[in-house]
Amino acid sequence: MSVEFRGQQFVKFWELGAYDAQTTFIAAHVSEKLKVCRAMFVRTLSISTKRVDTALKKVRSDSVIDKRGKKQDKQTLQEERNRHIDIGEEARRLMRN
């Protein structure tokens, strides 16, 4: 692979911007039929091998949609509940005065 070609691939990948589009790009360029040097591929795109593994797993499971940050953890949910409780108690206190 020439340096020029690798540079073009780098630009194409990062110009996609959207995580889902980048995942599709990775999966489209990594195939079992085509021998690709994994180390060169990840260096070309400046991504981790985990990113490639994740992209392939998502494509195989037909779920390319980016779900990062979509779930609230239990601690965040509990903090939300506590905040609502605190606000309610404060409102009752103010109404008594």
PDB file of N, CA and C in Angstrom:
ATOM      1  N   MET A   1       0.842  -1.173   0.000  1.00  0.00           N
ATOM      2  CA  MET A   1       0.000   0.000   0.000  1.00  0.00           C
ATOM      3  C   MET A   1       0.893   1.244   0.000  1.00  0.00           C
ATOM      4  N   SER A   2       0.629   2.130  -0.917  1.00  0.00           N
ATOM      5  CA  SER A   2       1.444   3.337  -0.981  1.00  0.00           C
ATOM      6  C   SER A   2       1.057   4.306   0.139  1.00  0.00           C
ATOM      7  N   VAL A   3       1.969   5.176   0.460  1.00  0.00           N
ATOM      8  CA  VAL A   3       1.712   6.190   1.486  1.00  0.00           C
ATOM      9  C   VAL A   3       0.559   7.087   1.044  1.00  0.00           C
ATOM     10  N   GLU A   4       0.509   7.395  -0.246  1.00  0.00           N
ATOM     11  CA  GLU A   4      -0.564   8.247  -0.776  1.00  0.00           C
ATOM     12  C   GLU A   4      -1.934   7.584  -0.594  1.00  0.00           C
ATOM     13  N   PHE A   5      -2.021   6.296  -0.923  1.00  0.00           N
ATOM     14  CA  PHE A   5      -3.279   5.568  -0.773  1.00  0.00           C
ATOM     15  C   PHE A   5      -3.690   5.517   0.695  1.00  0.00           C
ATOM     16  N   ARG A   6      -2.738   5.253   1.576  1.00  0.00           N
ATOM     17  CA  ARG A   6      -3.041   5.196   3.005  1.00  0.00           C
ATOM     18  C   ARG A   6      -3.550   6.550   3.498  1.00  0.00           C
ATOM     19  N   GLY A   7      -2.951   7.624   3.011  1.00  0.00           N
ATOM     20  CA  GLY A   7      -3.390   8.967   3.382  1.00  0.00           C
ATOM     21  C   GLY A   7      -4.815   9.237   2.922  1.00  0.00           C
ATOM     22  N   GLN A   8      -5.135   8.785   1.714  1.00  0.00           N
ATOM     23  CA  GLN A   8      -6.496   8.951   1.195  1.00  0.00           C
ATOM     24  C   GLN A   8      -7.514   8.190   2.044  1.00  0.00           C
ATOM     25  N   GLN A   9      -7.154   6.977   2.444  1.00  0.00           N
ATOM     26  CA  GLN A   9      -8.048   6.170   3.274  1.00  0.00           C
ATOM     27  C   GLN A   9      -8.252   6.819   4.644  1.00  0.00           C
ATOM     28  N   PHE A  10      -7.190   7.375   5.198  1.00  0.00           N
ATOM     29  CA  PHE A  10      -7.270   8.070   6.485  1.00  0.00           C
ATOM     30  C   PHE A  10      -8.259   9.229   6.398  1.00  0.00           C
ATOM     31  N   VAL A  11      -8.117  10.037   5.364  1.00  0.00           N
ATOM     32  CA  VAL A  11      -9.001  11.193   5.179  1.00  0.00           C
ATOM     33  C   VAL A  11     -10.446  10.746   4.982  1.00  0.00           C
ATOM     34  N   LYS A  12     -10.663   9.735   4.124  1.00  0.00           N
ATOM     35  CA  LYS A  12     -12.024   9.237   3.891  1.00  0.00           C
ATOM     36  C   LYS A  12     -12.669   8.783   5.199  1.00  0.00           C
ATOM     37  N   PHE A  13     -11.917   8.021   5.991  1.00  0.00           N
ATOM     38  CA  PHE A  13     -12.446   7.484   7.245  1.00  0.00           C
ATOM     39  C   PHE A  13     -12.839   8.592   8.204  1.00  0.00           C
ATOM     40  N   TRP A  14     -11.956   9.535   8.441  1.00  0.00           N
ATOM     41  CA  TRP A  14     -12.225  10.578   9.431  1.00  0.00           C
ATOM     42  C   TRP A  14     -13.229  11.616   8.941  1.00  0.00           C
ATOM     43  N   GLU A  15     -13.343  11.799   7.632  1.00  0.00           N
ATOM     44  CA  GLU A  15     -14.355  12.722   7.106  1.00  0.00           C
ATOM     45  C   GLU A  15     -15.770  12.171   7.255  1.00  0.00           C
ATOM     46  N   LEU A  16     -15.891  10.868   7.429  1.00  0.00           N
ATOM     47  CA  LEU A  16     -17.218  10.276   7.649  1.00  0.00           C
ATOM     48  C   LEU A  16     -17.840  10.843   8.919  1.00  0.00           C
ATOM     49  N   GLY A  17     -17.008  11.078   9.917  1.00  0.00           N
ATOM     50  CA  GLY A  17     -17.470  11.709  11.145  1.00  0.00           C
ATOM     51  C   GLY A  17     -18.303  10.825  12.036  1.00  0.00           C
ATOM     52  N   ALA A  18     -19.415  10.342  11.563  1.00  0.00           N
ATOM     53  CA  ALA A  18     -20.347   9.559  12.380  1.00  0.00           C
ATOM     54  C   ALA A  18     -19.758   8.195  12.717  1.00  0.00           C
ATOM     55  N   TYR A  19     -19.896   7.818  13.977  1.00  0.00           N
ATOM     56  CA  TYR A  19     -19.388   6.539  14.468  1.00  0.00           C
ATOM     57  C   TYR A  19     -19.958   5.372  13.657  1.00  0.00           C
ATOM     58  N   ASP A  20     -21.250   5.416  13.372  1.00  0.00           N
ATOM     59  CA  ASP A  20     -21.890   4.330  12.621  1.00  0.00           C
ATOM     60  C   ASP A  20     -21.297   4.204  11.217  1.00  0.00           C
ATOM     61  N   ALA A  21     -21.067   5.330  10.572  1.00  0.00           N
ATOM     62  CA  ALA A  21     -20.494   5.316   9.223  1.00  0.00           C
ATOM     63  C   ALA A  21     -19.056   4.794   9.261  1.00  0.00           C
ATOM     64  N   GLN A  22     -18.307   5.183  10.286  1.00  0.00           N
ATOM     65  CA  GLN A  22     -16.939   4.695  10.420  1.00  0.00           C
ATOM     66  C   GLN A  22     -16.923   3.185  10.673  1.00  0.00           C
ATOM     67  N   THR A  23     -17.874   2.701  11.462  1.00  0.00           N
ATOM     68  CA  THR A  23     -17.975   1.265  11.725  1.00  0.00           C
ATOM     69  C   THR A  23     -18.228   0.507  10.434  1.00  0.00           C
ATOM     70  N   THR A  24     -19.116   1.012   9.611  1.00  0.00           N
ATOM     71  CA  THR A  24     -19.407   0.386   8.322  1.00  0.00           C
ATOM     72  C   THR A  24     -18.179   0.418   7.422  1.00  0.00           C
ATOM     73  N   PHE A  25     -17.455   1.529   7.434  1.00  0.00           N
ATOM     74  CA  PHE A  25     -16.229   1.664   6.644  1.00  0.00           C
ATOM     75  C   PHE A  25     -15.218   0.594   7.043  1.00  0.00           C
ATOM     76  N   ILE A  26     -15.015   0.443   8.344  1.00  0.00           N
ATOM     77  CA  ILE A  26     -14.048  -0.552   8.838  1.00  0.00           C
ATOM     78  C   ILE A  26     -14.459  -1.945   8.369  1.00  0.00           C
ATOM     79  N   ALA A  27     -15.715  -2.280   8.594  1.00  0.00           N
ATOM     80  CA  ALA A  27     -16.195  -3.612   8.229  1.00  0.00           C
ATOM     81  C   ALA A  27     -16.082  -3.855   6.728  1.00  0.00           C
ATOM     82  N   ALA A  28     -16.339  -2.841   5.929  1.00  0.00           N
ATOM     83  CA  ALA A  28     -16.264  -2.985   4.473  1.00  0.00           C
ATOM     84  C   ALA A  28     -14.833  -3.194   3.992  1.00  0.00           C
ATOM     85  N   HIS A  29     -13.882  -2.654   4.746  1.00  0.00           N
ATOM     86  CA  HIS A  29     -12.486  -2.757   4.324  1.00  0.00           C
ATOM     87  C   HIS A  29     -11.746  -3.941   4.949  1.00  0.00           C
ATOM     88  N   VAL A  30     -12.387  -4.610   5.862  1.00  0.00           N
ATOM     89  CA  VAL A  30     -11.790  -5.808   6.467  1.00  0.00           C
ATOM     90  C   VAL A  30     -12.681  -6.975   6.092  1.00  0.00           C
ATOM     91  N   SER A  31     -12.114  -7.860   5.339  1.00  0.00           N
ATOM     92  CA  SER A  31     -12.918  -9.006   4.905  1.00  0.00           C
ATOM     93  C   SER A  31     -12.068 -10.254   5.001  1.00  0.00           C
ATOM     94  N   GLU A  32     -12.719 -11.371   5.169  1.00  0.00           N
ATOM     95  CA  GLU A  32     -11.980 -12.619   5.257  1.00  0.00           C
ATOM     96  C   GLU A  32     -11.420 -13.034   3.894  1.00  0.00           C
ATOM     97  N   LYS A  33     -11.992 -12.525   2.822  1.00  0.00           N
ATOM     98  CA  LYS A  33     -11.522 -12.862   1.475  1.00  0.00           C
ATOM     99  C   LYS A  33     -10.251 -12.095   1.125  1.00  0.00           C
ATOM    100  N   LEU A  34     -10.083 -10.941   1.720  1.00  0.00           N
ATOM    101  CA  LEU A  34      -8.954 -10.075   1.411  1.00  0.00           C
ATOM    102  C   LEU A  34      -7.983 -10.078   2.575  1.00  0.00           C
ATOM    103  N   LYS A  35      -6.754 -10.425   2.314  1.00  0.00           N
ATOM    104  CA  LYS A  35      -5.734 -10.422   3.364  1.00  0.00           C
ATOM    105  C   LYS A  35      -5.290  -8.980   3.602  1.00  0.00           C
ATOM    106  N   VAL A  36      -5.476  -8.530   4.829  1.00  0.00           N
ATOM    107  CA  VAL A  36      -5.099  -7.171   5.190  1.00  0.00           C
ATOM    108  C   VAL A  36      -4.178  -7.254   6.399  1.00  0.00           C
ATOM    109  N   CYS A  37      -3.089  -6.534   6.355  1.00  0.00           N
ATOM    110  CA  CYS A  37      -2.202  -6.480   7.509  1.00  0.00           C
ATOM    111  C   CYS A  37      -2.893  -5.637   8.580  1.00  0.00           C
ATOM    112  N   ARG A  38      -3.284  -6.283   9.664  1.00  0.00           N
ATOM    113  CA  ARG A  38      -4.036  -5.619  10.734  1.00  0.00           C
ATOM    114  C   ARG A  38      -3.271  -4.424  11.295  1.00  0.00           C
ATOM    115  N   ALA A  39      -1.998  -4.607  11.537  1.00  0.00           N
ATOM    116  CA  ALA A  39      -1.195  -3.528  12.117  1.00  0.00           C
ATOM    117  C   ALA A  39      -1.159  -2.316  11.190  1.00  0.00           C
ATOM    118  N   MET A  40      -0.968  -2.551   9.897  1.00  0.00           N
ATOM    119  CA  MET A  40      -0.933  -1.435   8.956  1.00  0.00           C
ATOM    120  C   MET A  40      -2.301  -0.766   8.857  1.00  0.00           C
ATOM    121  N   PHE A  41      -3.362  -1.569   8.879  1.00  0.00           N
ATOM    122  CA  PHE A  41      -4.723  -1.034   8.773  1.00  0.00           C
ATOM    123  C   PHE A  41      -5.023  -0.097   9.943  1.00  0.00           C
ATOM    124  N   VAL A  42      -4.745  -0.529  11.165  1.00  0.00           N
ATOM    125  CA  VAL A  42      -5.047   0.319  12.325  1.00  0.00           C
ATOM    126  C   VAL A  42      -4.139   1.543  12.373  1.00  0.00           C
ATOM    127  N   ARG A  43      -2.900   1.390  11.940  1.00  0.00           N
ATOM    128  CA  ARG A  43      -2.008   2.563  11.891  1.00  0.00           C
ATOM    129  C   ARG A  43      -2.460   3.544  10.815  1.00  0.00           C
ATOM    130  N   THR A  44      -2.927   3.037   9.685  1.00  0.00           N
ATOM    131  CA  THR A  44      -3.401   3.901   8.599  1.00  0.00           C
ATOM    132  C   THR A  44      -4.559   4.775   9.057  1.00  0.00           C
ATOM    133  N   LEU A  45      -5.497   4.177   9.794  1.00  0.00           N
ATOM    134  CA  LEU A  45      -6.687   4.913  10.225  1.00  0.00           C
ATOM    135  C   LEU A  45      -6.512   5.569  11.601  1.00  0.00           C
ATOM    136  N   SER A  46      -5.402   5.296  12.251  1.00  0.00           N
ATOM    137  CA  SER A  46      -5.147   5.803  13.611  1.00  0.00           C
ATOM    138  C   SER A  46      -6.260   5.380  14.571  1.00  0.00           C
ATOM    139  N   ILE A  47      -6.549   4.085  14.546  1.00  0.00           N
ATOM    140  CA  ILE A  47      -7.560   3.519  15.433  1.00  0.00           C
ATOM    141  C   ILE A  47      -6.937   2.345  16.185  1.00  0.00           C
ATOM    142  N   SER A  48      -7.647   1.832  17.170  1.00  0.00           N
ATOM    143  CA  SER A  48      -7.143   0.696  17.929  1.00  0.00           C
ATOM    144  C   SER A  48      -7.652  -0.611  17.326  1.00  0.00           C
ATOM    145  N   THR A  49      -6.995  -1.693  17.681  1.00  0.00           N
ATOM    146  CA  THR A  49      -7.463  -3.002  17.227  1.00  0.00           C
ATOM    147  C   THR A  49      -8.820  -3.321  17.855  1.00  0.00           C
ATOM    148  N   LYS A  50      -9.070  -2.786  19.046  1.00  0.00           N
ATOM    149  CA  LYS A  50     -10.370  -2.991  19.687  1.00  0.00           C
ATOM    150  C   LYS A  50     -11.480  -2.360  18.847  1.00  0.00           C
ATOM    151  N   ARG A  51     -11.202  -1.205  18.239  1.00  0.00           N
ATOM    152  CA  ARG A  51     -12.188  -0.527  17.384  1.00  0.00           C
ATOM    153  C   ARG A  51     -12.548  -1.412  16.198  1.00  0.00           C
ATOM    154  N   VAL A  52     -11.547  -2.090  15.624  1.00  0.00           N
ATOM    155  CA  VAL A  52     -11.793  -3.002  14.505  1.00  0.00           C
ATOM    156  C   VAL A  52     -12.628  -4.183  14.984  1.00  0.00           C
ATOM    157  N   ASP A  53     -12.251  -4.780  16.110  1.00  0.00           N
ATOM    158  CA  ASP A  53     -13.002  -5.914  16.656  1.00  0.00           C
ATOM    159  C   ASP A  53     -14.453  -5.531  16.923  1.00  0.00           C
ATOM    160  N   THR A  54     -14.659  -4.357  17.518  1.00  0.00           N
ATOM    161  CA  THR A  54     -16.012  -3.890  17.819  1.00  0.00           C
ATOM    162  C   THR A  54     -16.812  -3.679  16.541  1.00  0.00           C
ATOM    163  N   ALA A  55     -16.197  -3.089  15.539  1.00  0.00           N
ATOM    164  CA  ALA A  55     -16.882  -2.857  14.258  1.00  0.00           C
ATOM    165  C   ALA A  55     -17.322  -4.177  13.638  1.00  0.00           C
ATOM    166  N   LEU A  56     -16.440  -5.155  13.638  1.00  0.00           N
ATOM    167  CA  LEU A  56     -16.781  -6.449  13.053  1.00  0.00           C
ATOM    168  C   LEU A  56     -17.879  -7.144  13.849  1.00  0.00           C
ATOM    169  N   LYS A  57     -17.819  -7.052  15.171  1.00  0.00           N
ATOM    170  CA  LYS A  57     -18.847  -7.658  16.013  1.00  0.00           C
ATOM    171  C   LYS A  57     -20.205  -7.008  15.744  1.00  0.00           C
ATOM    172  N   LYS A  58     -20.222  -5.674  15.611  1.00  0.00           N
ATOM    173  CA  LYS A  58     -21.471  -4.959  15.355  1.00  0.00           C
ATOM    174  C   LYS A  58     -22.067  -5.354  14.003  1.00  0.00           C
ATOM    175  N   VAL A  59     -21.229  -5.457  12.990  1.00  0.00           N
ATOM    176  CA  VAL A  59     -21.720  -5.807  11.661  1.00  0.00           C
ATOM    177  C   VAL A  59     -22.247  -7.241  11.649  1.00  0.00           C
ATOM    178  N   ARG A  60     -21.551  -8.132  12.312  1.00  0.00           N
ATOM    179  CA  ARG A  60     -22.003  -9.534  12.360  1.00  0.00           C
ATOM    180  C   ARG A  60     -23.320  -9.676  13.110  1.00  0.00           C
ATOM    181  N   SER A  61     -23.561  -8.792  14.085  1.00  0.00           N
ATOM    182  CA  SER A  61     -24.810  -8.877  14.848  1.00  0.00           C
ATOM    183  C   SER A  61     -25.908  -7.999  14.249  1.00  0.00           C
ATOM    184  N   ASP A  62     -25.638  -7.392  13.087  1.00  0.00           N
ATOM    185  CA  ASP A  62     -26.593  -6.504  12.410  1.00  0.00           C
ATOM    186  C   ASP A  62     -27.009  -5.322  13.277  1.00  0.00           C
ATOM    187  N   SER A  63     -26.110  -4.839  14.115  1.00  0.00           N
ATOM    188  CA  SER A  63     -26.412  -3.706  14.987  1.00  0.00           C
ATOM    189  C   SER A  63     -25.271  -2.700  14.943  1.00  0.00           C
ATOM    190  N   VAL A  64     -25.198  -1.944  13.863  1.00  0.00           N
ATOM    191  CA  VAL A  64     -24.122  -0.983  13.679  1.00  0.00           C
ATOM    192  C   VAL A  64     -24.396   0.323  14.429  1.00  0.00           C
ATOM    193  N   ILE A  65     -25.608   0.499  14.916  1.00  0.00           N
ATOM    194  CA  ILE A  65     -26.007   1.751  15.563  1.00  0.00           C
ATOM    195  C   ILE A  65     -25.176   2.010  16.813  1.00  0.00           C
ATOM    196  N   ASP A  66     -24.709   3.229  16.937  1.00  0.00           N
ATOM    197  CA  ASP A  66     -23.898   3.652  18.078  1.00  0.00           C
ATOM    198  C   ASP A  66     -24.788   3.844  19.301  1.00  0.00           C
ATOM    199  N   LYS A  67     -24.555   3.054  20.330  1.00  0.00           N
ATOM    200  CA  LYS A  67     -25.357   3.146  21.546  1.00  0.00           C
ATOM    201  C   LYS A  67     -24.541   3.655  22.729  1.00  0.00           C
ATOM    202  N   ARG A  68     -23.339   4.188  22.433  1.00  0.00           N
ATOM    203  CA  ARG A  68     -22.510   4.682  23.525  1.00  0.00           C
ATOM    204  C   ARG A  68     -23.200   5.852  24.216  1.00  0.00           C
ATOM    205  N   GLY A  69     -23.182   5.830  25.549  1.00  0.00           N
ATOM    206  CA  GLY A  69     -23.739   6.930  26.330  1.00  0.00           C
ATOM    207  C   GLY A  69     -25.251   6.976  26.374  1.00  0.00           C
ATOM    208  N   LYS A  70     -25.914   5.962  25.894  1.00  0.00           N
ATOM    209  CA  LYS A  70     -27.375   5.972  25.849  1.00  0.00           C
ATOM    210  C   LYS A  70     -28.013   5.432  27.121  1.00  0.00           C
ATOM    211  N   LYS A  71     -27.248   4.678  27.911  1.00  0.00           N
ATOM    212  CA  LYS A  71     -27.787   4.099  29.130  1.00  0.00           C
ATOM    213  C   LYS A  71     -27.348   4.922  30.327  1.00  0.00           C
ATOM    214  N   GLN A  72     -28.222   5.008  31.309  1.00  0.00           N
ATOM    215  CA  GLN A  72     -27.836   5.636  32.562  1.00  0.00           C
ATOM    216  C   GLN A  72     -27.484   4.529  33.531  1.00  0.00           C
ATOM    217  N   ASP A  73     -26.383   4.713  34.226  1.00  0.00           N
ATOM    218  CA  ASP A  73     -26.013   3.708  35.194  1.00  0.00           C
ATOM    219  C   ASP A  73     -26.861   3.849  36.456  1.00  0.00           C
ATOM    220  N   LYS A  74     -26.817   2.850  37.317  1.00  0.00           N
ATOM    221  CA  LYS A  74     -27.649   2.831  38.514  1.00  0.00           C
ATOM    222  C   LYS A  74     -27.359   4.019  39.421  1.00  0.00           C
ATOM    223  N   GLN A  75     -26.097   4.396  39.530  1.00  0.00           N
ATOM    224  CA  GLN A  75     -25.739   5.513  40.397  1.00  0.00           C
ATOM    225  C   GLN A  75     -26.367   6.812  39.899  1.00  0.00           C
ATOM    226  N   THR A  76     -26.330   7.054  38.592  1.00  0.00           N
ATOM    227  CA  THR A  76     -26.927   8.260  38.023  1.00  0.00           C
ATOM    228  C   THR A  76     -28.432   8.271  38.258  1.00  0.00           C
ATOM    229  N   LEU A  77     -29.071   7.134  38.056  1.00  0.00           N
ATOM    230  CA  LEU A  77     -30.514   7.059  38.284  1.00  0.00           C
ATOM    231  C   LEU A  77     -30.849   7.338  39.746  1.00  0.00           C
ATOM    232  N   GLN A  78     -30.065   6.778  40.665  1.00  0.00           N
ATOM    233  CA  GLN A  78     -30.307   7.005  42.082  1.00  0.00           C
ATOM    234  C   GLN A  78     -30.096   8.473  42.439  1.00  0.00           C
ATOM    235  N   GLU A  79     -29.069   9.104  41.860  1.00  0.00           N
ATOM    236  CA  GLU A  79     -28.823  10.530  42.103  1.00  0.00           C
ATOM    237  C   GLU A  79     -30.004  11.364  41.615  1.00  0.00           C
ATOM    238  N   GLU A  80     -30.574  10.997  40.461  1.00  0.00           N
ATOM    239  CA  GLU A  80     -31.749  11.697  39.938  1.00  0.00           C
ATOM    240  C   GLU A  80     -32.924  11.568  40.904  1.00  0.00           C
ATOM    241  N   ARG A  81     -33.149  10.357  41.388  1.00  0.00           N
ATOM    242  CA  ARG A  81     -34.248  10.146  42.337  1.00  0.00           C
ATOM    243  C   ARG A  81     -34.037  10.971  43.598  1.00  0.00           C
ATOM    244  N   ASN A  82     -32.815  10.947  44.116  1.00  0.00           N
ATOM    245  CA  ASN A  82     -32.513  11.705  45.331  1.00  0.00           C
ATOM    246  C   ASN A  82     -32.707  13.202  45.112  1.00  0.00           C
ATOM    247  N   ARG A  83     -32.316  13.687  43.943  1.00  0.00           N
ATOM    248  CA  ARG A  83     -32.472  15.113  43.647  1.00  0.00           C
ATOM    249  C   ARG A  83     -33.947  15.484  43.648  1.00  0.00           C
ATOM    250  N   HIS A  84     -34.787  14.643  43.052  1.00  0.00           N
ATOM    251  CA  HIS A  84     -36.224  14.911  43.039  1.00  0.00           C
ATOM    252  C   HIS A  84     -36.801  14.871  44.454  1.00  0.00           C
ATOM    253  N   ILE A  85     -36.329  13.951  45.249  1.00  0.00           N
ATOM    254  CA  ILE A  85     -36.790  13.863  46.636  1.00  0.00           C
ATOM    255  C   ILE A  85     -36.385  15.112  47.397  1.00  0.00           C
ATOM    256  N   ASP A  86     -35.124  15.527  47.236  1.00  0.00           N
ATOM    257  CA  ASP A  86     -34.637  16.725  47.924  1.00  0.00           C
ATOM    258  C   ASP A  86     -35.430  17.957  47.517  1.00  0.00           C
ATOM    259  N   ILE A  87     -35.739  18.089  46.245  1.00  0.00           N
ATOM    260  CA  ILE A  87     -36.503  19.235  45.769  1.00  0.00           C
ATOM    261  C   ILE A  87     -37.901  19.214  46.374  1.00  0.00           C
ATOM    262  N   GLY A  88     -38.507  18.031  46.450  1.00  0.00           N
ATOM    263  CA  GLY A  88     -39.837  17.900  47.032  1.00  0.00           C
ATOM    264  C   GLY A  88     -39.854  18.293  48.492  1.00  0.00           C
ATOM    265  N   GLU A  89     -38.864  17.851  49.242  1.00  0.00           N
ATOM    266  CA  GLU A  89     -38.783  18.197  50.664  1.00  0.00           C
ATOM    267  C   GLU A  89     -38.554  19.694  50.844  1.00  0.00           C
ATOM    268  N   GLU A  90     -37.740  20.273  50.015  1.00  0.00           N
ATOM    269  CA  GLU A  90     -37.467  21.719  50.089  1.00  0.00           C
ATOM    270  C   GLU A  90     -38.734  22.509  49.767  1.00  0.00           C
ATOM    271  N   ALA A  91     -39.490  22.062  48.768  1.00  0.00           N
ATOM    272  CA  ALA A  91     -40.741  22.742  48.401  1.00  0.00           C
ATOM    273  C   ALA A  91     -41.742  22.677  49.562  1.00  0.00           C
ATOM    274  N   ARG A  92     -41.868  21.516  50.196  1.00  0.00           N
ATOM    275  CA  ARG A  92     -42.778  21.385  51.339  1.00  0.00           C
ATOM    276  C   ARG A  92     -42.356  22.301  52.500  1.00  0.00           C
ATOM    277  N   ARG A  93     -41.078  22.377  52.722  1.00  0.00           N
ATOM    278  CA  ARG A  93     -40.561  23.233  53.794  1.00  0.00           C
ATOM    279  C   ARG A  93     -40.896  24.697  53.525  1.00  0.00           C
ATOM    280  N   LEU A  94     -40.727  25.116  52.283  1.00  0.00           N
ATOM    281  CA  LEU A  94     -41.015  26.504  51.927  1.00  0.00           C
ATOM    282  C   LEU A  94     -42.511  26.798  52.016  1.00  0.00           C
ATOM    283  N   MET A  95     -43.343  25.832  51.686  1.00  0.00           N
ATOM    284  CA  MET A  95     -44.791  26.035  51.749  1.00  0.00           C
ATOM    285  C   MET A  95     -45.267  26.183  53.201  1.00  0.00           C
ATOM    286  N   ARG A  96     -44.583  25.512  54.135  1.00  0.00           N
ATOM    287  CA  ARG A  96     -44.959  25.613  55.548  1.00  0.00           C
ATOM    288  C   ARG A  96     -44.643  26.993  56.100  1.00  0.00           C
ATOM    289  N   ASN A  97     -43.634  27.619  55.585  1.00  0.00           N
ATOM    290  CA  ASN A  97     -43.208  28.928  56.099  1.00  0.00           C
ATOM    291  C   ASN A  97     -44.016  30.033  55.563  1.00  0.00           C
TER     292      ASN A  97
END
